[in-house]
């Protein structure tokens, strides 16, 4: 467990004053935010990967369509 000394805006401080267990609340909030950031990065990488192979996929699909038409 680590201890941090942070500075936050007055508006957030006023809202945080209403929370009974501030440390747990802040830890949970940060954990949720970090998880969301990881998921957004994974989504970005997946989109990038799909775009990178799009032309190859289109070529393979065209080949399969030709093969399918020939067999009918």
C-alpha atoms as a PDB file:
ATOM      1  CA  UNK A   1       0.000   0.000   0.000  1.00  0.00           C
ATOM      2  CA  UNK A   2       1.276   3.471  -0.929  1.00  0.00           C
ATOM      3  CA  UNK A   3       0.414   6.875   0.409  1.00  0.00           C
ATOM      4  CA  UNK A   4       0.051   9.821  -1.992  1.00  0.00           C
ATOM      5  CA  UNK A   5      -0.182  13.517  -1.344  1.00  0.00           C
ATOM      6  CA  UNK A   6      -2.275  15.001  -4.163  1.00  0.00           C
ATOM      7  CA  UNK A   7      -3.812  18.328  -5.056  1.00  0.00           C
ATOM      8  CA  UNK A   8      -7.380  18.448  -6.369  1.00  0.00           C
ATOM      9  CA  UNK A   9      -9.671  21.273  -7.446  1.00  0.00           C
ATOM     10  CA  UNK A  10     -11.900  22.847  -4.787  1.00  0.00           C
ATOM     11  CA  UNK A  11     -15.096  21.638  -6.497  1.00  0.00           C
ATOM     12  CA  UNK A  12     -13.943  18.015  -6.331  1.00  0.00           C
ATOM     13  CA  UNK A  13     -12.769  18.463  -2.768  1.00  0.00           C
ATOM     14  CA  UNK A  14     -16.222  19.669  -1.758  1.00  0.00           C
ATOM     15  CA  UNK A  15     -17.847  16.590  -3.308  1.00  0.00           C
ATOM     16  CA  UNK A  16     -15.223  14.276  -1.820  1.00  0.00           C
ATOM     17  CA  UNK A  17     -15.928  15.692   1.652  1.00  0.00           C
ATOM     18  CA  UNK A  18     -19.339  13.974   1.466  1.00  0.00           C
ATOM     19  CA  UNK A  19     -17.777  10.527   0.952  1.00  0.00           C
ATOM     20  CA  UNK A  20     -17.216   8.529   4.169  1.00  0.00           C
ATOM     21  CA  UNK A  21     -14.241   6.390   3.084  1.00  0.00           C
ATOM     22  CA  UNK A  22     -12.297   8.706   0.792  1.00  0.00           C
ATOM     23  CA  UNK A  23      -9.284   6.438   0.316  1.00  0.00           C
ATOM     24  CA  UNK A  24     -11.377   3.481  -0.820  1.00  0.00           C
ATOM     25  CA  UNK A  25     -13.506   5.703  -3.050  1.00  0.00           C
ATOM     26  CA  UNK A  26     -10.444   7.241  -4.720  1.00  0.00           C
ATOM     27  CA  UNK A  27      -8.763   3.840  -5.157  1.00  0.00           C
ATOM     28  CA  UNK A  28     -11.896   2.317  -6.716  1.00  0.00           C
ATOM     29  CA  UNK A  29     -12.395   5.328  -8.976  1.00  0.00           C
ATOM     30  CA  UNK A  30      -8.795   5.209 -10.181  1.00  0.00           C
ATOM     31  CA  UNK A  31      -9.034   1.471 -10.734  1.00  0.00           C
ATOM     32  CA  UNK A  32     -12.162   1.905 -12.864  1.00  0.00           C
ATOM     33  CA  UNK A  33     -10.547   4.711 -14.872  1.00  0.00           C
ATOM     34  CA  UNK A  34      -7.352   2.705 -15.466  1.00  0.00           C
ATOM     35  CA  UNK A  35      -9.380  -0.323 -16.596  1.00  0.00           C
ATOM     36  CA  UNK A  36     -11.379   1.881 -18.977  1.00  0.00           C
ATOM     37  CA  UNK A  37      -8.137   3.321 -20.388  1.00  0.00           C
ATOM     38  CA  UNK A  38      -6.737  -0.202 -20.955  1.00  0.00           C
ATOM     39  CA  UNK A  39      -9.927  -1.233 -22.742  1.00  0.00           C
ATOM     40  CA  UNK A  40      -9.868   1.891 -24.919  1.00  0.00           C
ATOM     41  CA  UNK A  41      -6.247   1.152 -25.876  1.00  0.00           C
ATOM     42  CA  UNK A  42      -7.149  -2.453 -26.705  1.00  0.00           C
ATOM     43  CA  UNK A  43     -10.073  -1.247 -28.843  1.00  0.00           C
ATOM     44  CA  UNK A  44      -7.744   1.167 -30.645  1.00  0.00           C
ATOM     45  CA  UNK A  45      -5.250  -1.622 -31.335  1.00  0.00           C
ATOM     46  CA  UNK A  46      -7.986  -3.954 -32.595  1.00  0.00           C
ATOM     47  CA  UNK A  47      -9.346  -1.295 -34.947  1.00  0.00           C
ATOM     48  CA  UNK A  48      -5.822  -0.599 -36.186  1.00  0.00           C
ATOM     49  CA  UNK A  49      -5.291  -4.330 -36.772  1.00  0.00           C
ATOM     50  CA  UNK A  50      -8.558  -4.721 -38.666  1.00  0.00           C
ATOM     51  CA  UNK A  51      -7.683  -1.776 -40.878  1.00  0.00           C
ATOM     52  CA  UNK A  52      -4.224  -3.222 -41.548  1.00  0.00           C
ATOM     53  CA  UNK A  53      -5.632  -6.505 -42.933  1.00  0.00           C
ATOM     54  CA  UNK A  54      -8.730  -5.078 -44.616  1.00  0.00           C
ATOM     55  CA  UNK A  55      -7.343  -5.194 -48.168  1.00  0.00           C
ATOM     56  CA  UNK A  56      -6.052  -8.728 -47.702  1.00  0.00           C
ATOM     57  CA  UNK A  57      -9.459  -9.811 -46.372  1.00  0.00           C
ATOM     58  CA  UNK A  58     -11.202  -8.190 -49.355  1.00  0.00           C
ATOM     59  CA  UNK A  59      -8.877 -10.037 -51.751  1.00  0.00           C
ATOM     60  CA  UNK A  60      -9.537 -13.391 -50.035  1.00  0.00           C
ATOM     61  CA  UNK A  61     -13.294 -12.739 -50.061  1.00  0.00           C
ATOM     62  CA  UNK A  62     -13.180 -11.948 -53.779  1.00  0.00           C
ATOM     63  CA  UNK A  63     -11.290 -15.195 -54.440  1.00  0.00           C
ATOM     64  CA  UNK A  64     -13.868 -17.189 -52.454  1.00  0.00           C
ATOM     65  CA  UNK A  65     -16.726 -15.512 -54.289  1.00  0.00           C
ATOM     66  CA  UNK A  66     -15.163 -16.466 -57.614  1.00  0.00           C
ATOM     67  CA  UNK A  67     -14.679 -20.068 -56.467  1.00  0.00           C
ATOM     68  CA  UNK A  68     -18.256 -20.223 -55.189  1.00  0.00           C
ATOM     69  CA  UNK A  69     -19.691 -18.915 -58.475  1.00  0.00           C
ATOM     70  CA  UNK A  70     -17.643 -21.393 -60.488  1.00  0.00           C
ATOM     71  CA  UNK A  71     -18.931 -24.342 -58.466  1.00  0.00           C
ATOM     72  CA  UNK A  72     -22.610 -23.393 -58.922  1.00  0.00           C
END
